[in-house]
Amino acid sequence: MDMANLLKMGATLFRDSKQSGDAGSGLDISNLTSALSGLAGGGSSKGGFDISSLLSKMDSGGLGAVAKSWLGDGDNQAISPNQISDMLGADKISDFASKLGVSNEEAAGGLSEALPQMVDKASSGGSLLDSIGGVSGAISMASKLFRK
């Protein structure tokens, strides 16, 4: 799955999440895609979503096992809205929420449902390799995650 489709899928997941509230369910997909792009280090000018940065933050924040479940083929472990806020930072959640006109709670809640599926989808079929620097990037990331 290419980056544009991944962001669009994430935007749809966020919009359809029960945790993004009534405000979230009425959001425009292109606005959501832009906000998601800027959230995880991709920057809206790049139009990307830095999955390796997200996984690194999860690992350093004690969520390595959750990250592994998202990368693997089994069920994705859940992440709470509070863990999303802690991992990304309250300031990023606040910026994301204000771009979309939703509360911080709705922003973190919608992300807690969308991000696991985005990473899971990106890690199947090889597109994750492109976003983390090819096979050497994957080996480096996996060695950090599985060392624990």
C-alpha atoms as a PDB file:
ATOM      1  CA  MET A   1       0.000   0.000   0.000  1.00  0.00           C
ATOM      2  CA  ASP A   2       1.484   3.349  -0.972  1.00  0.00           C
ATOM      3  CA  MET A   3       1.721   6.255   1.463  1.00  0.00           C
ATOM      4  CA  ALA A   4      -1.199   8.233   0.005  1.00  0.00           C
ATOM      5  CA  ASN A   5      -3.533   5.251   0.279  1.00  0.00           C
ATOM      6  CA  LEU A   6      -2.257   4.466   3.774  1.00  0.00           C
ATOM      7  CA  LEU A   7      -3.016   8.006   4.934  1.00  0.00           C
ATOM      8  CA  LYS A   8      -6.429   7.911   3.289  1.00  0.00           C
ATOM      9  CA  MET A   9      -7.193   4.601   4.996  1.00  0.00           C
ATOM     10  CA  GLY A  10      -6.073   6.033   8.346  1.00  0.00           C
ATOM     11  CA  ALA A  11      -8.235   9.102   7.799  1.00  0.00           C
ATOM     12  CA  THR A  12     -11.248   6.902   7.093  1.00  0.00           C
ATOM     13  CA  LEU A  13     -10.544   4.755  10.165  1.00  0.00           C
ATOM     14  CA  PHE A  14     -10.274   7.877  12.326  1.00  0.00           C
ATOM     15  CA  ARG A  15     -13.484   9.341  10.935  1.00  0.00           C
ATOM     16  CA  ASP A  16     -15.373   6.069  11.423  1.00  0.00           C
ATOM     17  CA  SER A  17     -14.024   5.456  14.940  1.00  0.00           C
ATOM     18  CA  LYS A  18     -16.625   5.640  17.690  1.00  0.00           C
ATOM     19  CA  GLN A  19     -13.965   7.288  19.863  1.00  0.00           C
ATOM     20  CA  SER A  20     -13.528  10.288  17.538  1.00  0.00           C
ATOM     21  CA  GLY A  21     -17.007  11.441  18.541  1.00  0.00           C
ATOM     22  CA  ASP A  22     -19.707  13.178  16.533  1.00  0.00           C
ATOM     23  CA  ALA A  23     -17.269  15.894  15.459  1.00  0.00           C
ATOM     24  CA  GLY A  24     -14.873  13.261  14.093  1.00  0.00           C
ATOM     25  CA  SER A  25     -17.532  11.468  12.078  1.00  0.00           C
ATOM     26  CA  GLY A  26     -18.258  14.578  10.012  1.00  0.00           C
ATOM     27  CA  LEU A  27     -14.657  15.337   9.059  1.00  0.00           C
ATOM     28  CA  ASP A  28     -13.395  15.763   5.525  1.00  0.00           C
ATOM     29  CA  ILE A  29     -11.018  12.956   4.476  1.00  0.00           C
ATOM     30  CA  SER A  30      -8.509  15.332   2.848  1.00  0.00           C
ATOM     31  CA  ASN A  31      -8.285  17.441   6.028  1.00  0.00           C
ATOM     32  CA  LEU A  32      -7.816  14.289   8.079  1.00  0.00           C
ATOM     33  CA  THR A  33      -5.172  12.973   5.684  1.00  0.00           C
ATOM     34  CA  SER A  34      -3.231  16.228   5.961  1.00  0.00           C
ATOM     35  CA  ALA A  35      -3.471  16.254   9.771  1.00  0.00           C
ATOM     36  CA  LEU A  36      -2.363  12.603   9.997  1.00  0.00           C
ATOM     37  CA  SER A  37       0.565  13.290   7.714  1.00  0.00           C
ATOM     38  CA  GLY A  38       1.864  16.005   9.997  1.00  0.00           C
ATOM     39  CA  LEU A  39       1.237  14.007  13.163  1.00  0.00           C
ATOM     40  CA  ALA A  40       3.841  11.273  12.852  1.00  0.00           C
ATOM     41  CA  GLY A  41       6.827  13.159  11.555  1.00  0.00           C
ATOM     42  CA  GLY A  42       5.986  13.012   7.862  1.00  0.00           C
ATOM     43  CA  GLY A  43       5.244  16.709   7.651  1.00  0.00           C
ATOM     44  CA  SER A  44       2.481  17.858   5.363  1.00  0.00           C
ATOM     45  CA  SER A  45       5.001  19.120   2.811  1.00  0.00           C
ATOM     46  CA  LYS A  46       6.420  15.606   2.466  1.00  0.00           C
ATOM     47  CA  GLY A  47       2.983  14.006   2.456  1.00  0.00           C
ATOM     48  CA  GLY A  48       4.298  11.085   4.442  1.00  0.00           C
ATOM     49  CA  PHE A  49       3.787   9.257   7.680  1.00  0.00           C
ATOM     50  CA  ASP A  50       6.962   8.335   9.526  1.00  0.00           C
ATOM     51  CA  ILE A  51       6.163   4.859  10.800  1.00  0.00           C
ATOM     52  CA  SER A  52       9.703   4.193  11.993  1.00  0.00           C
ATOM     53  CA  SER A  53       9.544   7.320  14.172  1.00  0.00           C
ATOM     54  CA  LEU A  54       6.182   6.211  15.568  1.00  0.00           C
ATOM     55  CA  LEU A  55       7.496   2.712  16.342  1.00  0.00           C
ATOM     56  CA  SER A  56      10.632   4.154  17.927  1.00  0.00           C
ATOM     57  CA  LYS A  57       8.491   6.351  20.208  1.00  0.00           C
ATOM     58  CA  MET A  58       6.411   3.329  21.140  1.00  0.00           C
ATOM     59  CA  ASP A  59       9.514   1.287  21.932  1.00  0.00           C
ATOM     60  CA  SER A  60      11.119   4.014  24.044  1.00  0.00           C
ATOM     61  CA  GLY A  61       7.800   4.590  25.820  1.00  0.00           C
ATOM     62  CA  GLY A  62       7.532   0.969  26.977  1.00  0.00           C
ATOM     63  CA  LEU A  63       5.109  -0.052  24.229  1.00  0.00           C
ATOM     64  CA  GLY A  64       7.476  -2.311  22.282  1.00  0.00           C
ATOM     65  CA  ALA A  65       5.232  -5.362  22.691  1.00  0.00           C
ATOM     66  CA  VAL A  66       2.264  -3.404  21.353  1.00  0.00           C
ATOM     67  CA  ALA A  67       4.356  -2.244  18.377  1.00  0.00           C
ATOM     68  CA  LYS A  68       5.433  -5.841  17.668  1.00  0.00           C
ATOM     69  CA  SER A  69       1.790  -6.941  17.614  1.00  0.00           C
ATOM     70  CA  TRP A  70       0.983  -4.256  15.038  1.00  0.00           C
ATOM     71  CA  LEU A  71       3.892  -5.343  12.839  1.00  0.00           C
ATOM     72  CA  GLY A  72       3.119  -9.050  13.112  1.00  0.00           C
ATOM     73  CA  ASP A  73       0.420 -11.044  11.388  1.00  0.00           C
ATOM     74  CA  GLY A  74      -1.622 -11.797  14.516  1.00  0.00           C
ATOM     75  CA  ASP A  75      -4.089  -9.627  16.370  1.00  0.00           C
ATOM     76  CA  ASN A  76      -3.118  -6.035  17.113  1.00  0.00           C
ATOM     77  CA  GLN A  77      -2.822  -5.189  20.796  1.00  0.00           C
ATOM     78  CA  ALA A  78      -4.948  -2.230  21.799  1.00  0.00           C
ATOM     79  CA  ILE A  79      -3.483   1.109  22.767  1.00  0.00           C
ATOM     80  CA  SER A  80      -5.390   3.499  24.994  1.00  0.00           C
ATOM     81  CA  PRO A  81      -6.045   7.153  24.196  1.00  0.00           C
ATOM     82  CA  ASN A  82      -3.843   8.051  27.192  1.00  0.00           C
ATOM     83  CA  GLN A  83      -0.981   5.945  25.806  1.00  0.00           C
ATOM     84  CA  ILE A  84      -1.406   7.687  22.432  1.00  0.00           C
ATOM     85  CA  SER A  85      -1.168  11.081  24.156  1.00  0.00           C
ATOM     86  CA  ASP A  86       1.880  10.031  26.165  1.00  0.00           C
ATOM     87  CA  MET A  87       3.607   8.562  23.113  1.00  0.00           C
ATOM     88  CA  LEU A  88       2.983  11.424  20.686  1.00  0.00           C
ATOM     89  CA  GLY A  89       2.947  14.209  23.257  1.00  0.00           C
ATOM     90  CA  ALA A  90       0.018  16.287  24.451  1.00  0.00           C
ATOM     91  CA  ASP A  91       1.138  19.197  22.266  1.00  0.00           C
ATOM     92  CA  LYS A  92       0.958  17.120  19.073  1.00  0.00           C
ATOM     93  CA  ILE A  93      -2.438  15.732  20.054  1.00  0.00           C
ATOM     94  CA  SER A  94      -3.640  19.260  20.777  1.00  0.00           C
ATOM     95  CA  ASP A  95      -2.358  20.543  17.413  1.00  0.00           C
ATOM     96  CA  PHE A  96      -3.938  17.586  15.615  1.00  0.00           C
ATOM     97  CA  ALA A  97      -7.254  18.140  17.436  1.00  0.00           C
ATOM     98  CA  SER A  98      -7.314  21.868  16.711  1.00  0.00           C
ATOM     99  CA  LYS A  99      -6.626  21.299  12.991  1.00  0.00           C
ATOM    100  CA  LEU A 100      -9.690  19.067  12.911  1.00  0.00           C
ATOM    101  CA  GLY A 101     -11.967  20.903  15.333  1.00  0.00           C
ATOM    102  CA  VAL A 102     -12.294  17.962  17.732  1.00  0.00           C
ATOM    103  CA  SER A 103     -11.441  17.666  21.419  1.00  0.00           C
ATOM    104  CA  ASN A 104      -8.088  16.281  22.541  1.00  0.00           C
ATOM    105  CA  GLU A 105      -9.945  13.247  23.921  1.00  0.00           C
ATOM    106  CA  GLU A 106     -11.660  12.613  20.575  1.00  0.00           C
ATOM    107  CA  ALA A 107      -8.357  13.052  18.739  1.00  0.00           C
ATOM    108  CA  ALA A 108      -6.513  10.556  20.960  1.00  0.00           C
ATOM    109  CA  GLY A 109      -9.473   8.178  20.931  1.00  0.00           C
ATOM    110  CA  GLY A 110      -9.747   8.111  17.147  1.00  0.00           C
ATOM    111  CA  LEU A 111      -5.988   7.678  16.811  1.00  0.00           C
ATOM    112  CA  SER A 112      -6.040   4.757  19.271  1.00  0.00           C
ATOM    113  CA  GLU A 113      -8.233   2.910  16.779  1.00  0.00           C
ATOM    114  CA  ALA A 114      -6.685   4.150  13.514  1.00  0.00           C
ATOM    115  CA  LEU A 115      -2.927   3.880  14.186  1.00  0.00           C
ATOM    116  CA  PRO A 116      -2.771   0.126  14.951  1.00  0.00           C
ATOM    117  CA  GLN A 117      -4.578  -0.665  11.711  1.00  0.00           C
ATOM    118  CA  MET A 118      -2.425   1.757   9.707  1.00  0.00           C
ATOM    119  CA  VAL A 119       0.822   0.197  10.951  1.00  0.00           C
ATOM    120  CA  ASP A 120      -0.595  -3.308  10.510  1.00  0.00           C
ATOM    121  CA  LYS A 121      -1.622  -2.556   6.923  1.00  0.00           C
ATOM    122  CA  ALA A 122       1.703  -0.845   6.124  1.00  0.00           C
ATOM    123  CA  SER A 123       3.692  -3.787   7.462  1.00  0.00           C
ATOM    124  CA  SER A 124       2.020  -6.314   5.176  1.00  0.00           C
ATOM    125  CA  GLY A 125       3.066  -6.436   1.559  1.00  0.00           C
ATOM    126  CA  GLY A 126       6.411  -4.684   1.917  1.00  0.00           C
ATOM    127  CA  SER A 127       5.504  -0.985   1.833  1.00  0.00           C
ATOM    128  CA  LEU A 128       6.787  -0.626   5.391  1.00  0.00           C
ATOM    129  CA  LEU A 129      10.261  -1.505   4.132  1.00  0.00           C
ATOM    130  CA  ASP A 130      10.264   1.549   1.895  1.00  0.00           C
ATOM    131  CA  SER A 131       9.220   3.841   4.733  1.00  0.00           C
ATOM    132  CA  ILE A 132      11.912   2.643   7.172  1.00  0.00           C
ATOM    133  CA  GLY A 133      14.923   2.470   4.898  1.00  0.00           C
ATOM    134  CA  GLY A 134      14.674  -0.942   3.270  1.00  0.00           C
ATOM    135  CA  VAL A 135      15.745  -4.250   4.715  1.00  0.00           C
ATOM    136  CA  SER A 136      18.559  -2.784   6.832  1.00  0.00           C
ATOM    137  CA  GLY A 137      16.086  -0.366   8.436  1.00  0.00           C
ATOM    138  CA  ALA A 138      13.703  -3.223   9.153  1.00  0.00           C
ATOM    139  CA  ILE A 139      16.471  -5.346  10.656  1.00  0.00           C
ATOM    140  CA  SER A 140      17.612  -2.460  12.809  1.00  0.00           C
ATOM    141  CA  MET A 141      14.066  -1.756  14.007  1.00  0.00           C
ATOM    142  CA  ALA A 142      13.285  -5.424  14.605  1.00  0.00           C
ATOM    143  CA  SER A 143      16.503  -5.949  16.560  1.00  0.00           C
ATOM    144  CA  LYS A 144      15.586  -3.037  18.842  1.00  0.00           C
ATOM    145  CA  LEU A 145      12.008  -4.255  19.325  1.00  0.00           C
ATOM    146  CA  PHE A 146      12.818  -7.928  19.823  1.00  0.00           C
ATOM    147  CA  ARG A 147      15.781  -7.321  22.127  1.00  0.00           C
ATOM    148  CA  LYS A 148      13.357  -6.735  25.006  1.00  0.00           C
END
